[in-house]
């Protein structure tokens, strides 16, 4: 049955009106609309992102990856730039010209069109693919199942590492509930080492808790495992409260942890419930996220509630479009730099061994703009544009759209099988995708690698699982371990 036959006409109309008329209208009501080619094209971007997000929120299937992409595109590259172009006000001092603004909007829309084309091609290929076709690499990876004993080993390692690290740093537990600045100051002078240690504690702790909640029950009984779960669960909950809370970790990461744990409950992955929860997530990002950076610094100012349009034009969290503009000017002055694409791929190579290793793109653009502060974003649109211009933008987003649709389709096919990476890794990647899209890539390559590598290490292939009597792949959904308060299959 086609989506068009299943979608509610009323729901489509309501969401389209809210996303493409009401919210943009509220922004323009505050500042008016400066008539220009850039602002006219930006209205096209708003209509494109709002329409695509409407499709996700009214679809008959749950599409986590599509949700993450279009939520980011709609807010950070749809509404926020509309407010900036309407008011000619930006978060940072750098001011590009009108031609640059038009070029930046064109780069953004080009990436969105390529992403939509990649999604459509992947959907068409998926419909034409016979059900008897052998599983591809992506499906084999996402069908991997959690291995209970590997998971328990990860739990033990996470707790032991946390005990050593937290006990050995100044401030101990107190620092994790003070501010991100306090955590930074207790980590010493080596920023790279400090970041590595922090993520090496946070990511395994997250996966240990998520895996413990969703690991399937063993076919031959699991009395010992059940007892260990009862012991480890409160410890892992407490550990994640310490190392993955929004006070000591970036808000995007803390939000990803919370949303992944939330959507790991099967009842919330039903289409109707998913749509309601996704709408709540969108509302929280629009109206709560701007004020959630309260704990970033130890010296806190009082929270001033301002309009959505003012948040978009004065809050540095929404600098994505301005950074795209800065990047367009940078490319005009310095040309394209294809070699910089190797930086995120080879992020583990130290600069001592690779003196010409590319700098973080956000830092490069901050220096070009003459800022004293360098902790800025570099959206994937401008990252790819700086590699090889429009060609690179089209290629990157075409592949990203196809991959995202493919991942969502595989998760949908495996939705009835508990304990697979499709049920756990896909939501985690989908929500971390907003960090990936915001960039810069070199800064997030390490955490992203850990986010994907850890679940691979605590899972085994489906073919191998089917040969083990203690973890045989069920022909029907199997109940999860009996852990209080975690939900389960209906």
Protein backbone atom coordinates (compact mmCIF):
# COMPACT_ATOMS: atom_id res chain seq x y z
CA UNK A 1 0.00 0.00 0.00
CA UNK A 2 1.37 3.40 -0.92
CA UNK A 3 2.06 6.12 1.64
CA UNK A 4 -0.42 8.41 -0.09
CA UNK A 5 -3.26 6.00 0.70
CA UNK A 6 -2.31 5.77 4.36
CA UNK A 7 -1.48 9.35 5.25
CA UNK A 8 -4.17 11.36 6.95
CA UNK A 9 -5.06 14.32 4.74
CA UNK A 10 -5.94 16.37 7.82
CA UNK A 11 -2.58 15.60 9.47
CA UNK A 12 -0.65 16.48 6.32
CA UNK A 13 -2.54 19.75 5.95
CA UNK A 14 -2.10 20.65 9.63
CA UNK A 15 1.64 19.95 9.74
CA UNK A 16 2.25 21.68 6.42
CA UNK A 17 0.40 24.76 7.66
CA UNK A 18 2.35 24.86 10.93
CA UNK A 19 5.79 24.24 9.42
CA UNK A 20 5.57 26.23 6.20
CA UNK A 21 3.16 29.03 7.13
CA UNK A 22 2.67 29.54 10.87
CA UNK A 23 6.25 29.32 12.20
CA UNK A 24 7.85 31.25 9.30
CA UNK A 25 5.04 33.80 9.66
CA UNK A 26 5.84 34.31 13.34
CA UNK A 27 9.48 35.01 12.43
CA UNK A 28 8.62 37.43 9.65
CA UNK A 29 6.10 39.16 11.88
CA UNK A 30 8.96 40.11 14.20
CA UNK A 31 11.29 41.47 11.52
CA UNK A 32 9.37 41.75 8.27
CA UNK A 33 10.90 40.44 5.05
CA UNK A 34 13.73 42.21 3.24
CA UNK A 35 13.06 41.54 -0.43
CA UNK A 36 16.15 40.07 -2.04
CA UNK A 37 17.13 37.09 -4.13
CA UNK A 38 18.60 35.40 -1.04
CA UNK A 39 15.44 35.82 1.06
CA UNK A 40 13.25 34.61 -1.82
CA UNK A 41 15.37 31.46 -2.22
CA UNK A 42 15.37 31.00 1.56
CA UNK A 43 11.56 30.78 1.46
CA UNK A 44 12.04 27.87 -0.96
CA UNK A 45 14.38 26.22 1.57
CA UNK A 46 11.78 26.65 4.32
CA UNK A 47 9.08 25.15 2.10
CA UNK A 48 11.39 22.25 1.12
CA UNK A 49 12.47 21.38 4.67
CA UNK A 50 9.00 21.95 6.13
CA UNK A 51 7.40 19.79 3.47
CA UNK A 52 9.93 16.98 3.96
CA UNK A 53 9.48 17.11 7.73
CA UNK A 54 5.72 16.95 7.22
CA UNK A 55 6.18 13.74 5.25
CA UNK A 56 8.24 12.22 8.05
CA UNK A 57 5.74 13.22 10.75
CA UNK A 58 2.80 11.78 8.79
CA UNK A 59 4.47 8.70 7.29
CA UNK A 60 3.08 5.22 7.82
CA UNK A 61 6.54 3.96 8.79
CA UNK A 62 8.92 5.09 11.52
CA UNK A 63 11.93 6.83 9.96
CA UNK A 64 14.44 7.85 12.61
CA UNK A 65 17.25 8.91 10.28
CA UNK A 66 14.93 11.02 8.15
CA UNK A 67 13.55 12.68 11.28
CA UNK A 68 17.01 13.66 12.54
CA UNK A 69 18.08 15.08 9.18
CA UNK A 70 14.99 17.12 8.43
CA UNK A 71 14.59 18.47 11.96
CA UNK A 72 18.12 19.87 11.79
CA UNK A 73 17.66 21.20 8.26
CA UNK A 74 14.32 22.83 9.10
CA UNK A 75 15.46 24.62 12.26
CA UNK A 76 19.12 25.42 11.65
CA UNK A 77 19.07 25.97 7.88
CA UNK A 78 15.41 26.88 7.34
CA UNK A 79 13.93 29.03 10.08
CA UNK A 80 17.16 30.44 11.55
CA UNK A 81 18.53 31.79 8.22
CA UNK A 82 15.09 33.23 7.42
CA UNK A 83 15.26 35.28 10.62
CA UNK A 84 18.83 36.38 9.85
CA UNK A 85 18.07 37.42 6.29
CA UNK A 86 14.87 39.18 7.34
CA UNK A 87 16.59 41.25 10.03
CA UNK A 88 20.15 41.39 8.65
CA UNK A 89 21.27 40.32 12.13
CA UNK A 90 23.67 37.46 12.82
CA UNK A 91 25.11 35.83 15.96
CA UNK A 92 28.75 36.64 15.12
CA UNK A 93 30.36 39.88 13.86
CA UNK A 94 31.35 38.70 10.34
CA UNK A 95 29.11 40.28 7.68
CA UNK A 96 29.16 38.89 4.13
CA UNK A 97 27.68 40.66 1.13
CA UNK A 98 24.37 40.02 -0.60
CA UNK A 99 25.95 37.86 -3.29
CA UNK A 100 27.51 35.67 -0.63
CA UNK A 101 24.18 35.29 1.13
CA UNK A 102 22.55 34.11 -2.10
CA UNK A 103 25.42 31.70 -2.72
CA UNK A 104 25.10 30.27 0.80
CA UNK A 105 21.36 29.68 0.42
CA UNK A 106 22.02 28.05 -2.97
CA UNK A 107 24.60 25.70 -1.42
CA UNK A 108 22.11 24.71 1.28
CA UNK A 109 19.26 24.07 -1.18
CA UNK A 110 21.60 22.16 -3.50
CA UNK A 111 22.45 19.79 -0.65
CA UNK A 112 18.79 19.38 0.26
CA UNK A 113 17.83 18.59 -3.33
CA UNK A 114 20.64 16.03 -3.57
CA UNK A 115 19.55 14.44 -0.28
CA UNK A 116 15.94 14.20 -1.49
CA UNK A 117 17.11 12.66 -4.77
CA UNK A 118 19.25 10.10 -2.94
CA UNK A 119 16.33 9.20 -0.69
CA UNK A 120 14.00 8.77 -3.67
CA UNK A 121 16.50 6.59 -5.55
CA UNK A 122 17.05 4.36 -2.50
CA UNK A 123 13.29 4.05 -1.93
CA UNK A 124 12.74 3.08 -5.55
CA UNK A 125 15.54 0.52 -5.40
CA UNK A 126 14.11 -0.90 -2.16
CA UNK A 127 10.67 -1.38 -3.69
CA UNK A 128 12.17 -3.13 -6.72
CA UNK A 129 14.35 -5.40 -4.59
CA UNK A 130 12.88 -8.93 -4.33
CA UNK A 131 12.21 -10.27 -0.86
CA UNK A 132 14.39 -13.32 -1.59
CA UNK A 133 17.46 -11.22 -2.40
CA UNK A 134 20.47 -11.94 -0.14
CA UNK A 135 21.11 -9.52 2.68
CA UNK A 136 23.56 -6.75 1.91
CA UNK A 137 26.40 -5.52 4.11
CA UNK A 138 24.28 -2.90 5.84
CA UNK A 139 21.53 -5.38 6.68
CA UNK A 140 24.05 -7.92 7.98
CA UNK A 141 25.53 -5.27 10.27
CA UNK A 142 22.20 -4.01 11.59
CA UNK A 143 20.90 -7.54 12.13
CA UNK A 144 23.75 -8.31 14.56
CA UNK A 145 22.41 -9.26 17.99
CA UNK A 146 23.65 -8.29 21.43
CA UNK A 147 25.87 -10.93 23.01
CA UNK A 148 24.98 -11.09 26.74
CA UNK A 149 28.42 -11.97 28.05
CA UNK A 150 30.16 -9.35 25.94
CA UNK A 151 27.64 -6.83 27.20
CA UNK A 152 28.33 -7.79 30.81
CA UNK A 153 32.05 -7.38 30.17
CA UNK A 154 31.39 -3.86 28.83
CA UNK A 155 29.36 -3.05 31.96
CA UNK A 156 32.22 -4.17 34.19
CA UNK A 157 34.83 -2.25 32.19
CA UNK A 158 32.70 0.92 32.20
CA UNK A 159 32.18 0.82 35.95
CA UNK A 160 35.84 0.09 36.66
CA UNK A 161 37.04 2.87 34.36
CA UNK A 162 34.58 5.30 35.90
CA UNK A 163 35.71 4.46 39.41
CA UNK A 164 39.35 5.08 38.51
CA UNK A 165 38.76 8.25 36.51
CA UNK A 166 36.24 9.97 38.76
CA UNK A 167 38.11 9.17 41.95
CA UNK A 168 41.39 10.43 40.51
CA UNK A 169 40.28 13.86 39.31
CA UNK A 170 39.89 17.06 41.34
CA UNK A 171 36.37 17.65 42.51
CA UNK A 172 35.37 14.02 41.85
CA UNK A 173 31.59 13.71 41.49
CA UNK A 174 30.98 17.38 42.29
CA UNK A 175 32.60 18.55 39.05
CA UNK A 176 30.08 16.58 36.95
CA UNK A 177 27.22 18.57 38.46
CA UNK A 178 28.84 22.00 38.34
CA UNK A 179 29.35 22.91 34.67
CA UNK A 180 31.11 21.82 31.49
CA UNK A 181 33.68 24.50 32.29
CA UNK A 182 34.44 22.78 35.60
CA UNK A 183 34.99 19.45 33.86
CA UNK A 184 37.32 21.14 31.35
CA UNK A 185 39.37 22.79 34.08
CA UNK A 186 39.86 19.53 36.00
CA UNK A 187 41.20 17.71 32.96
CA UNK A 188 44.64 19.27 32.68
CA UNK A 189 46.24 21.14 29.80
CA UNK A 190 46.11 18.47 27.07
CA UNK A 191 42.76 19.14 25.38
CA UNK A 192 42.98 16.12 23.06
CA UNK A 193 43.74 13.72 25.91
CA UNK A 194 41.02 15.27 28.03
CA UNK A 195 38.46 14.84 25.26
CA UNK A 196 39.55 11.25 24.58
CA UNK A 197 39.18 10.27 28.23
CA UNK A 198 35.81 11.98 28.53
CA UNK A 199 34.29 10.25 25.50
CA UNK A 200 35.90 6.91 26.39
CA UNK A 201 33.91 7.05 29.61
CA UNK A 202 30.62 8.48 28.32
CA UNK A 203 30.06 6.36 25.20
CA UNK A 204 30.67 2.89 26.74
CA UNK A 205 28.56 3.87 29.78
CA UNK A 206 25.68 4.79 27.47
CA UNK A 207 25.90 1.56 25.47
CA UNK A 208 26.25 -0.55 28.61
CA UNK A 209 23.00 0.86 30.00
CA UNK A 210 21.12 0.67 26.70
CA UNK A 211 22.28 -2.87 26.05
CA UNK A 212 21.42 -3.95 29.57
CA UNK A 213 17.88 -2.67 29.09
CA UNK A 214 17.29 -4.29 25.69
CA UNK A 215 19.31 -7.52 25.64
CA UNK A 216 16.99 -10.45 24.76
CA UNK A 217 16.29 -13.26 27.18
CA UNK A 218 18.40 -16.37 26.57
CA UNK A 219 16.62 -19.38 25.12
CA UNK A 220 18.03 -21.84 27.69
CA UNK A 221 17.29 -19.74 30.76
CA UNK A 222 19.09 -16.77 32.22
CA UNK A 223 18.81 -16.97 36.01
CA UNK A 224 22.43 -15.93 36.50
CA UNK A 225 22.23 -13.20 33.91
CA UNK A 226 18.99 -11.93 35.41
CA UNK A 227 20.64 -11.66 38.79
CA UNK A 228 23.59 -9.78 37.33
CA UNK A 229 21.22 -7.42 35.54
CA UNK A 230 19.43 -6.60 38.78
CA UNK A 231 22.80 -5.71 40.33
CA UNK A 232 24.22 -3.78 37.37
CA UNK A 233 21.16 -1.82 36.28
CA UNK A 234 21.07 0.72 39.16
CA UNK A 235 24.85 1.13 38.94
CA UNK A 236 24.70 1.88 35.21
CA UNK A 237 21.77 4.28 35.66
CA UNK A 238 23.74 6.16 38.32
CA UNK A 239 26.87 6.21 36.15
CA UNK A 240 25.00 7.68 33.19
CA UNK A 241 23.39 10.31 35.40
CA UNK A 242 26.92 11.36 36.33
CA UNK A 243 28.77 11.22 33.00
CA UNK A 244 25.98 11.82 30.47
CA UNK A 245 23.94 14.56 32.08
CA UNK A 246 23.35 17.91 30.29
CA UNK A 247 25.43 19.75 32.90
CA UNK A 248 28.74 18.06 32.17
CA UNK A 249 28.20 17.00 28.53
CA UNK A 250 27.16 18.93 25.39
CA UNK A 251 23.39 19.26 25.04
CA UNK A 252 23.29 17.46 21.70
CA UNK A 253 24.99 14.42 23.23
CA UNK A 254 22.88 14.40 26.39
CA UNK A 255 19.75 14.75 24.25
CA UNK A 256 20.85 11.87 22.03
CA UNK A 257 21.34 9.62 25.08
CA UNK A 258 17.92 10.49 26.48
CA UNK A 259 16.07 10.14 23.17
CA UNK A 260 17.75 6.84 22.28
CA UNK A 261 16.84 5.39 25.67
CA UNK A 262 13.31 6.69 25.21
CA UNK A 263 12.85 5.26 21.72
CA UNK A 264 14.37 1.92 22.71
CA UNK A 265 10.98 1.18 24.30
CA UNK A 266 9.11 -0.75 21.56
CA UNK A 267 5.76 0.89 22.33
CA UNK A 268 7.20 4.28 21.41
CA UNK A 269 8.33 2.96 18.03
CA UNK A 270 4.81 2.33 16.83
CA UNK A 271 3.98 4.83 14.04
CA UNK A 272 1.24 6.72 15.90
CA UNK A 273 3.18 7.01 19.17
CA UNK A 274 6.36 7.85 17.28
CA UNK A 275 4.65 10.75 15.51
CA UNK A 276 3.41 12.21 18.80
CA UNK A 277 6.80 11.85 20.46
CA UNK A 278 8.61 13.25 17.42
CA UNK A 279 6.34 16.30 17.50
CA UNK A 280 7.24 16.80 21.17
CA UNK A 281 10.95 16.54 20.30
CA UNK A 282 10.52 19.19 17.59
CA UNK A 283 8.74 21.53 20.01
CA UNK A 284 11.46 21.01 22.64
CA UNK A 285 14.20 21.86 20.12
CA UNK A 286 12.38 25.01 19.08
CA UNK A 287 11.37 26.37 22.47
CA UNK A 288 13.52 24.65 25.15
CA UNK A 289 16.88 24.01 23.51
CA UNK A 290 17.90 27.71 23.31
CA UNK A 291 17.76 27.95 27.12
CA UNK A 292 19.36 24.59 27.89
CA UNK A 293 22.94 25.91 27.87
CA UNK A 294 22.47 27.35 31.34
CA UNK A 295 25.02 25.00 32.91
CA UNK A 296 27.79 25.47 30.35
CA UNK A 297 29.75 27.98 32.46
CA UNK A 298 30.35 28.17 36.19
CA UNK A 299 29.43 31.88 36.31
CA UNK A 300 25.82 31.89 35.18
CA UNK A 301 23.69 34.78 34.05
CA UNK A 302 19.95 34.99 34.58
CA UNK A 303 17.85 33.46 31.81
CA UNK A 304 16.14 36.06 29.59
CA UNK A 305 13.19 34.74 27.61
CA UNK A 306 13.10 36.28 24.11
CA UNK A 307 11.22 35.54 20.91
CA UNK A 308 12.15 32.66 18.65
CA UNK A 309 13.32 35.09 15.97
CA UNK A 310 15.64 36.84 18.43
CA UNK A 311 17.09 33.51 19.54
CA UNK A 312 17.91 32.63 15.94
CA UNK A 313 19.69 35.93 15.28
CA UNK A 314 21.62 36.37 18.54
CA UNK A 315 22.36 32.87 19.87
CA UNK A 316 25.61 31.34 18.62
CA UNK A 317 24.01 27.88 18.69
CA UNK A 318 22.35 28.84 15.39
CA UNK A 319 25.49 29.98 13.57
CA UNK A 320 25.28 27.21 10.93
CA UNK A 321 24.03 29.46 8.12
CA UNK A 322 26.45 32.25 8.98
CA UNK A 323 29.28 29.72 8.88
CA UNK A 324 28.13 28.59 5.44
CA UNK A 325 28.33 32.23 4.31
CA UNK A 326 31.79 32.61 5.81
CA UNK A 327 32.86 29.42 4.05
CA UNK A 328 31.62 30.67 0.68
CA UNK A 329 33.76 33.79 1.07
CA UNK A 330 36.71 31.69 2.26
CA UNK A 331 36.49 29.47 -0.83
CA UNK A 332 36.32 32.58 -3.02
CA UNK A 333 39.58 33.86 -1.54
CA UNK A 334 41.47 30.58 -1.08
CA UNK A 335 39.95 28.12 -3.53
CA UNK A 336 38.85 24.56 -2.81
CA UNK A 337 40.94 22.17 -0.69
CA UNK A 338 40.19 18.51 -1.59
CA UNK A 339 42.95 17.25 0.71
CA UNK A 340 40.96 18.43 3.74
CA UNK A 341 38.52 15.56 3.21
CA UNK A 342 41.23 13.25 4.57
CA UNK A 343 41.25 14.97 7.97
CA UNK A 344 38.07 13.40 9.39
CA UNK A 345 38.90 10.00 7.84
CA UNK A 346 42.38 9.94 9.42
CA UNK A 347 41.51 11.81 12.61
CA UNK A 348 43.49 9.35 14.75
CA UNK A 349 46.80 10.24 13.09
CA UNK A 350 48.62 12.69 15.41
CA UNK A 351 49.91 15.97 14.04
CA UNK A 352 53.42 15.01 15.07
CA UNK A 353 53.27 12.24 12.45
CA UNK A 354 51.29 14.33 9.94
CA UNK A 355 52.41 17.97 10.13
CA UNK A 356 50.13 18.93 7.20
CA UNK A 357 47.05 17.45 8.84
CA UNK A 358 44.05 19.73 8.04
CA UNK A 359 42.75 21.98 10.79
CA UNK A 360 39.24 21.77 12.13
CA UNK A 361 37.04 23.59 9.58
CA UNK A 362 35.18 25.53 12.27
CA UNK A 363 38.50 26.85 13.58
CA UNK A 364 39.68 27.68 10.05
CA UNK A 365 36.55 29.72 9.34
CA UNK A 366 36.76 31.46 12.73
CA UNK A 367 40.33 32.54 12.00
CA UNK A 368 39.35 33.71 8.52
CA UNK A 369 36.57 35.84 10.01
CA UNK A 370 39.00 37.32 12.55
CA UNK A 371 37.38 35.92 15.70
CA UNK A 372 39.26 35.47 18.97
CA UNK A 373 37.04 32.46 19.80
CA UNK A 374 37.31 29.34 17.65
CA UNK A 375 34.71 26.89 18.99
CA UNK A 376 32.31 27.29 16.05
CA UNK A 377 30.35 24.91 13.88
CA UNK A 378 31.05 23.96 10.27
CA UNK A 379 27.93 22.36 8.75
CA UNK A 380 28.38 19.45 6.39
CA UNK A 381 27.16 21.68 3.56
CA UNK A 382 30.18 23.97 3.83
CA UNK A 383 32.58 21.16 4.74
CA UNK A 384 31.78 19.40 1.47
CA UNK A 385 31.66 22.66 -0.50
CA UNK A 386 35.19 23.53 0.60
CA UNK A 387 36.43 20.17 -0.66
CA UNK A 388 35.35 20.51 -4.29
CA UNK A 389 32.51 23.01 -4.65
CA UNK A 390 28.96 22.14 -5.76
CA UNK A 391 30.06 18.75 -7.13
CA UNK A 392 31.15 17.60 -3.68
CA UNK A 393 27.93 18.92 -2.09
CA UNK A 394 25.79 16.95 -4.54
CA UNK A 395 27.83 13.76 -4.14
CA UNK A 396 27.95 13.85 -0.34
CA UNK A 397 24.26 14.55 0.14
CA UNK A 398 23.16 12.15 -2.57
CA UNK A 399 25.01 9.36 -0.75
CA UNK A 400 23.79 10.55 2.65
CA UNK A 401 20.16 10.56 1.52
CA UNK A 402 20.45 7.08 0.00
CA UNK A 403 22.19 5.70 3.09
CA UNK A 404 19.65 7.24 5.45
CA UNK A 405 16.69 5.78 3.56
CA UNK A 406 18.39 2.39 3.37
CA UNK A 407 19.07 2.37 7.12
CA UNK A 408 15.48 3.31 7.90
CA UNK A 409 14.20 0.55 5.61
CA UNK A 410 16.41 -2.10 7.21
CA UNK A 411 15.31 -1.03 10.70
CA UNK A 412 11.69 -1.29 9.60
CA UNK A 413 12.19 -4.86 8.32
CA UNK A 414 13.95 -5.92 11.54
CA UNK A 415 11.58 -4.12 13.91
CA UNK A 416 10.10 -7.37 15.25
CA UNK A 417 13.44 -8.90 16.23
CA UNK A 418 14.64 -7.88 19.71
CA UNK A 419 18.22 -7.15 20.61
CA UNK A 420 19.42 -6.22 17.11
CA UNK A 421 21.62 -3.24 16.34
CA UNK A 422 18.82 -1.99 14.09
CA UNK A 423 16.67 -1.36 17.16
CA UNK A 424 19.47 0.38 19.10
CA UNK A 425 22.10 1.84 16.79
CA UNK A 426 19.71 3.40 14.26
CA UNK A 427 17.97 5.74 16.77
CA UNK A 428 21.35 6.61 18.32
CA UNK A 429 22.86 7.52 14.95
CA UNK A 430 19.70 9.33 13.85
CA UNK A 431 19.80 11.74 16.78
CA UNK A 432 23.60 12.08 16.82
CA UNK A 433 23.22 12.93 13.14
CA UNK A 434 22.33 16.48 14.18
CA UNK A 435 25.83 16.81 15.65
CA UNK A 436 27.27 15.25 12.49
CA UNK A 437 25.41 17.71 10.28
CA UNK A 438 26.31 20.72 12.42
CA UNK A 439 30.01 19.78 12.40
CA UNK A 440 32.75 20.19 12.14
CA UNK A 441 33.63 16.65 11.08
CA UNK A 442 37.12 16.58 12.56
CA UNK A 443 35.75 17.49 15.98
CA UNK A 444 33.07 14.79 16.04
CA UNK A 445 34.92 11.98 14.23
CA UNK A 446 36.19 10.45 17.47
CA UNK A 447 32.87 10.31 19.34
CA UNK A 448 31.09 9.10 16.20
CA UNK A 449 33.60 6.28 15.75
CA UNK A 450 33.12 5.21 19.36
CA UNK A 451 29.34 5.43 19.00
CA UNK A 452 29.43 2.92 16.13
CA UNK A 453 32.35 0.73 17.22
CA UNK A 454 31.21 -0.11 20.76
CA UNK A 455 27.91 -1.79 19.74
CA UNK A 456 29.76 -3.78 17.08
CA UNK A 457 32.08 -5.12 19.76
CA UNK A 458 29.24 -6.28 22.04
CA UNK A 459 27.20 -7.96 19.29
CA UNK A 460 27.56 -11.05 17.13
CA UNK A 461 26.40 -11.78 13.57
CA UNK A 462 22.98 -13.31 13.11
CA UNK A 463 24.44 -16.36 11.38
CA UNK A 464 26.69 -17.05 14.35
CA UNK A 465 23.88 -16.40 16.81
CA UNK A 466 21.72 -18.98 15.04
CA UNK A 467 24.39 -21.63 15.70
CA UNK A 468 24.48 -20.91 19.44
CA UNK A 469 21.63 -22.56 21.35
CA UNK A 470 21.85 -20.00 24.12
CA UNK A 471 21.13 -17.09 21.78
CA UNK A 472 19.25 -18.56 18.88
CA UNK A 473 17.50 -16.10 16.62
CA UNK A 474 13.78 -16.40 17.35
CA UNK A 475 11.17 -16.88 14.67
CA UNK A 476 8.83 -14.62 16.64
CA UNK A 477 9.49 -11.67 18.94
CA UNK A 478 11.08 -12.79 22.17
CA UNK A 479 10.47 -10.96 25.45
CA UNK A 480 13.31 -8.95 26.89
CA UNK A 481 14.89 -9.68 30.21
CA UNK A 482 12.57 -8.95 33.09
CA UNK A 483 13.93 -5.62 34.25
CA UNK A 484 11.49 -3.43 36.14
CA UNK A 485 10.29 -0.24 34.46
CA UNK A 486 11.80 -0.82 31.01
CA UNK A 487 8.74 -1.75 29.05
CA UNK A 488 8.94 -4.59 26.57
CA UNK A 489 7.21 -5.98 23.57
CA UNK A 490 3.44 -5.56 23.70
